[in-house]
Amino acid sequence: MEYIEGFANNKGVNIYYIDNGVKDSKKTPLLICPGLSECAKDYIKLINKITDRRCVALSFRGRGISDSPNTGYALENHIEDIKVVIKQLDLKEFCILGISRGVSYELGYSVLNPDTLKGIIISEYPPQHKEMSRGWAEESIEIYNCHCDSVSISDEVLKKIEEESEQVDFREDLKKITCPSLILKGKLENSLLSNEDIVDYINNLSSQSILIKRFDNVGHNIQSEEFEQLARSVEEFLISID
């Protein structure tokens, strides 16, 4: 399937996005917020699966071919990245999907703008924006160099994210989110979403419908290791909120 590429300008920082361009559908659009080291192009496969509705993925600052400013990697900067893409593409009453660290950016946007959402999908991350400890960037660089064929983030940007990160607990603010919610959790050891985190979501989200989908054969990387199940879960949820 063909898609449209573009940039939204966030105070001089160009934020790249991919848009499948399905503007004539009355079905709920989907906006994808990739994980820490991912970019929009990592979700072309998912975009190609979802052909009956608008589907957009963005590359946060410092990822893929989005601009990489010298500063500006705090939570609020990433929230603004989401907002400028939404504004440029005129997305309304959409579902937002956050993957891993993308969940913290997704939640940051969602608690400030709950009235824009018809649904929220949370994949493999607790209800917080984590402060990265000193040395986290160096450890991440080593892991990526040893175990990843390609990543969409530079060593320099990882260091800036570490420097500008701060701890934010979203649990109380989750009460502002009233739309239906889907939470995706891997069951193997390297999951980043604990059963206690699931309870925090259930106890604090104001959603009338909260669905939990567990993936038996994967830990954290649901999107890469269980893609078909992920795609099916996302599609079923979207249909349920249309």
Protein backbone atom coordinates (compact mmCIF):
# COMPACT_ATOMS: atom_id res chain seq x y z
CA MET A 1 0.00 0.00 0.00
CA GLU A 2 1.27 3.47 -0.81
CA TYR A 3 1.62 6.04 1.95
CA ILE A 4 2.23 9.76 2.27
CA GLU A 5 5.38 11.09 3.93
CA GLY A 6 5.62 14.51 5.47
CA PHE A 7 6.96 16.73 8.23
CA ALA A 8 5.21 18.74 10.92
CA ASN A 9 7.11 21.71 12.33
CA ASN A 10 7.50 21.88 16.11
CA LYS A 11 9.07 25.29 16.77
CA GLY A 12 11.72 24.68 14.13
CA VAL A 13 12.11 20.94 14.73
CA ASN A 14 10.78 18.90 11.80
CA ILE A 15 8.84 15.81 12.93
CA TYR A 16 8.50 13.12 10.27
CA TYR A 17 5.32 11.12 9.80
CA ILE A 18 3.83 8.46 7.55
CA ASP A 19 0.13 8.68 6.67
CA ASN A 20 -1.80 6.05 4.74
CA GLY A 21 -4.04 8.84 3.46
CA VAL A 22 -7.35 7.06 4.02
CA LYS A 23 -9.35 10.25 4.61
CA ASP A 24 -12.75 9.11 3.36
CA SER A 25 -13.28 6.46 6.05
CA LYS A 26 -15.71 7.12 8.89
CA LYS A 27 -13.87 4.61 11.05
CA THR A 28 -11.69 5.63 13.99
CA PRO A 29 -8.20 6.80 12.87
CA LEU A 30 -5.09 5.36 14.54
CA LEU A 31 -1.99 7.33 15.59
CA ILE A 32 1.12 5.27 16.41
CA CYS A 33 3.77 6.48 18.89
CA PRO A 34 6.85 4.25 18.42
CA GLY A 35 9.19 3.03 21.14
CA LEU A 36 12.39 4.69 22.33
CA SER A 37 14.73 3.64 19.51
CA GLU A 38 12.08 3.20 16.80
CA CYS A 39 10.77 5.45 14.05
CA ALA A 40 7.66 5.73 11.89
CA LYS A 41 9.04 3.44 9.20
CA ASP A 42 9.25 0.58 11.69
CA TYR A 43 5.44 0.56 11.59
CA ILE A 44 4.90 0.44 7.82
CA LYS A 45 3.98 -3.23 8.18
CA LEU A 46 1.23 -2.37 10.68
CA ILE A 47 0.04 0.58 8.60
CA ASN A 48 -0.22 -1.75 5.60
CA LYS A 49 -2.40 -4.09 7.65
CA ILE A 50 -4.87 -1.37 8.56
CA THR A 51 -6.41 -0.40 5.25
CA ASP A 52 -9.99 0.43 6.25
CA ARG A 53 -9.18 3.63 8.16
CA ARG A 54 -6.67 6.45 8.51
CA CYS A 55 -3.41 5.28 10.07
CA VAL A 56 -0.49 7.54 10.94
CA ALA A 57 2.90 6.89 12.56
CA LEU A 58 5.37 9.56 13.65
CA SER A 59 9.08 9.64 14.33
CA PHE A 60 9.82 11.52 17.54
CA ARG A 61 12.64 14.05 17.55
CA GLY A 62 16.04 12.44 17.24
CA ARG A 63 14.61 9.32 15.61
CA GLY A 64 14.69 8.29 11.97
CA ILE A 65 14.77 11.34 9.72
CA SER A 66 13.10 13.72 12.16
CA ASP A 67 15.35 16.59 13.21
CA SER A 68 17.75 16.03 16.09
CA PRO A 69 18.06 19.31 18.00
CA ASN A 70 20.91 19.90 20.44
CA THR A 71 18.44 20.14 23.33
CA GLY A 72 14.76 19.52 23.92
CA TYR A 73 14.30 15.84 24.80
CA ALA A 74 12.13 16.20 27.88
CA LEU A 75 8.64 14.72 28.18
CA GLU A 76 6.93 17.95 27.19
CA ASN A 77 8.96 18.18 23.97
CA HIS A 78 7.79 14.73 22.90
CA ILE A 79 4.20 15.61 23.77
CA GLU A 80 4.50 18.64 21.49
CA ASP A 81 5.79 16.35 18.71
CA ILE A 82 2.53 14.42 18.94
CA LYS A 83 0.44 17.59 19.02
CA VAL A 84 1.97 19.16 15.89
CA VAL A 85 1.41 15.98 13.85
CA ILE A 86 -2.21 15.80 15.03
CA LYS A 87 -2.75 19.46 14.15
CA GLN A 88 -1.12 19.25 10.73
CA LEU A 89 -3.10 16.13 9.74
CA ASP A 90 -6.31 17.39 11.38
CA LEU A 91 -6.85 14.15 13.29
CA LYS A 92 -10.06 14.08 15.30
CA GLU A 93 -11.62 11.45 17.58
CA PHE A 94 -8.76 9.05 17.02
CA CYS A 95 -7.20 6.10 18.84
CA ILE A 96 -3.62 6.48 20.05
CA LEU A 97 -1.20 3.53 20.30
CA GLY A 98 1.98 3.81 22.38
CA ILE A 99 4.77 1.24 22.25
CA SER A 100 7.21 0.89 25.17
CA ARG A 101 8.73 4.33 25.97
CA GLY A 102 6.25 5.73 23.47
CA VAL A 103 3.60 4.98 26.11
CA SER A 104 4.95 7.70 28.40
CA TYR A 105 4.71 10.24 25.56
CA GLU A 106 1.25 8.90 24.68
CA LEU A 107 0.07 9.20 28.29
CA GLY A 108 1.56 12.68 28.59
CA TYR A 109 -0.51 13.76 25.60
CA SER A 110 -3.64 11.85 26.59
CA VAL A 111 -4.02 13.20 30.13
CA LEU A 112 -3.79 16.73 28.74
CA ASN A 113 -6.10 16.12 25.78
CA PRO A 114 -8.53 13.32 26.75
CA ASP A 115 -11.42 14.81 24.75
CA THR A 116 -9.59 14.15 21.46
CA LEU A 117 -9.50 10.38 21.97
CA LYS A 118 -11.88 7.56 21.12
CA GLY A 119 -9.49 4.91 22.40
CA ILE A 120 -6.04 4.33 23.85
CA ILE A 121 -3.75 1.31 23.40
CA ILE A 122 -0.91 0.86 25.88
CA SER A 123 1.82 -1.65 25.00
CA GLU A 124 4.38 -2.90 27.48
CA TYR A 125 5.08 0.09 29.72
CA PRO A 126 4.02 1.19 33.22
CA PRO A 127 2.02 4.39 33.90
CA GLN A 128 5.08 6.59 34.33
CA HIS A 129 7.74 8.54 32.51
CA LYS A 130 11.01 7.16 33.81
CA GLU A 131 14.01 9.17 34.86
CA MET A 132 16.99 7.42 33.31
CA SER A 133 19.84 6.75 35.74
CA ARG A 134 23.35 7.95 35.04
CA GLY A 135 25.03 5.52 32.65
CA TRP A 136 21.75 4.33 31.11
CA ALA A 137 22.62 5.79 27.71
CA GLU A 138 26.02 4.05 27.61
CA GLU A 139 24.42 0.73 28.58
CA SER A 140 21.75 1.18 25.90
CA ILE A 141 24.38 1.99 23.26
CA GLU A 142 26.26 -1.20 24.11
CA ILE A 143 23.09 -3.30 23.93
CA TYR A 144 22.09 -1.82 20.57
CA ASN A 145 25.57 -2.33 19.14
CA CYS A 146 25.67 -5.97 20.23
CA HIS A 147 22.11 -7.12 19.60
CA CYS A 148 20.44 -4.85 17.03
CA ASP A 149 21.02 -4.77 13.30
CA SER A 150 19.71 -1.23 13.09
CA VAL A 151 18.28 1.39 15.43
CA SER A 152 16.68 4.72 14.63
CA ILE A 153 18.35 6.75 17.36
CA SER A 154 21.92 8.02 17.70
CA ASP A 155 24.26 7.68 20.67
CA GLU A 156 24.14 11.46 21.12
CA VAL A 157 20.35 11.55 21.34
CA LEU A 158 20.30 8.72 23.88
CA LYS A 159 22.67 10.75 26.06
CA LYS A 160 20.45 13.83 25.75
CA ILE A 161 17.35 11.81 26.70
CA GLU A 162 19.19 10.59 29.78
CA GLU A 163 20.24 14.13 30.73
CA GLU A 164 16.76 15.63 30.32
CA SER A 165 14.67 12.77 31.69
CA GLU A 166 12.70 13.15 34.90
CA GLN A 167 10.38 10.90 36.85
CA VAL A 168 6.68 11.50 36.25
CA ASP A 169 3.96 9.33 37.82
CA PHE A 170 0.79 9.29 35.70
CA ARG A 171 -1.37 7.18 38.01
CA GLU A 172 -3.45 10.02 39.44
CA ASP A 173 -3.80 11.75 36.07
CA LEU A 174 -5.05 8.54 34.43
CA LYS A 175 -8.45 9.39 35.93
CA LYS A 176 -8.78 12.00 33.18
CA ILE A 177 -8.79 9.29 30.49
CA THR A 178 -12.36 8.07 29.96
CA CYS A 179 -12.16 6.44 26.52
CA PRO A 180 -11.99 2.64 26.07
CA SER A 181 -8.52 1.25 26.78
CA LEU A 182 -6.53 -1.77 25.62
CA ILE A 183 -3.42 -2.86 27.52
CA LEU A 184 -0.94 -5.23 25.89
CA LYS A 185 1.45 -7.28 28.05
CA GLY A 186 4.05 -9.91 27.28
CA LYS A 187 4.25 -12.76 29.78
CA LEU A 188 7.94 -13.67 29.55
CA GLU A 189 10.63 -12.38 31.90
CA ASN A 190 11.76 -9.34 29.94
CA SER A 191 8.33 -7.70 30.02
CA LEU A 192 8.48 -4.11 31.27
CA LEU A 193 4.86 -4.17 32.42
CA SER A 194 4.30 -5.91 35.75
CA ASN A 195 1.05 -7.29 37.11
CA GLU A 196 1.17 -4.48 39.67
CA ASP A 197 1.34 -1.97 36.82
CA ILE A 198 -1.74 -3.59 35.29
CA VAL A 199 -3.57 -3.11 38.60
CA ASP A 200 -2.49 0.55 38.64
CA TYR A 201 -4.00 1.04 35.20
CA ILE A 202 -7.23 -0.71 36.13
CA ASN A 203 -7.59 1.21 39.41
CA ASN A 204 -6.87 4.63 37.94
CA LEU A 205 -8.15 4.76 34.37
CA SER A 206 -11.70 6.12 34.21
CA SER A 207 -12.39 4.07 31.09
CA GLN A 208 -15.71 2.23 31.12
CA SER A 209 -14.01 -0.54 29.13
CA ILE A 210 -10.49 -1.74 29.96
CA LEU A 211 -9.28 -4.78 28.04
CA ILE A 212 -6.11 -6.69 28.91
CA LYS A 213 -4.39 -8.77 26.22
CA ARG A 214 -1.54 -11.03 27.33
CA PHE A 215 0.95 -12.57 24.91
CA ASP A 216 2.21 -15.94 26.14
CA ASN A 217 5.31 -16.36 23.98
CA VAL A 218 6.94 -12.94 24.17
CA GLY A 219 8.27 -10.52 26.74
CA HIS A 220 8.73 -6.85 25.89
CA ASN A 221 9.03 -6.78 22.09
CA ILE A 222 5.48 -7.70 21.13
CA GLN A 223 5.59 -5.59 17.96
CA SER A 224 8.53 -7.49 16.49
CA GLU A 225 8.11 -11.01 17.93
CA GLU A 226 4.32 -11.39 17.81
CA PHE A 227 3.38 -8.99 15.04
CA GLU A 228 0.36 -10.89 13.72
CA GLN A 229 -1.19 -11.17 17.18
CA LEU A 230 -0.47 -7.51 17.84
CA ALA A 231 -2.05 -6.44 14.56
CA ARG A 232 -5.10 -8.60 15.20
CA SER A 233 -5.53 -7.21 18.72
CA VAL A 234 -5.26 -3.63 17.48
CA GLU A 235 -7.73 -4.21 14.64
CA GLU A 236 -10.28 -5.89 16.92
CA PHE A 237 -10.05 -3.05 19.42
CA LEU A 238 -10.47 -0.43 16.69
CA ILE A 239 -13.58 -2.19 15.41
CA SER A 240 -14.99 -2.27 18.96
CA ILE A 241 -14.73 1.52 19.33
CA ASP A 242 -15.95 2.52 15.87
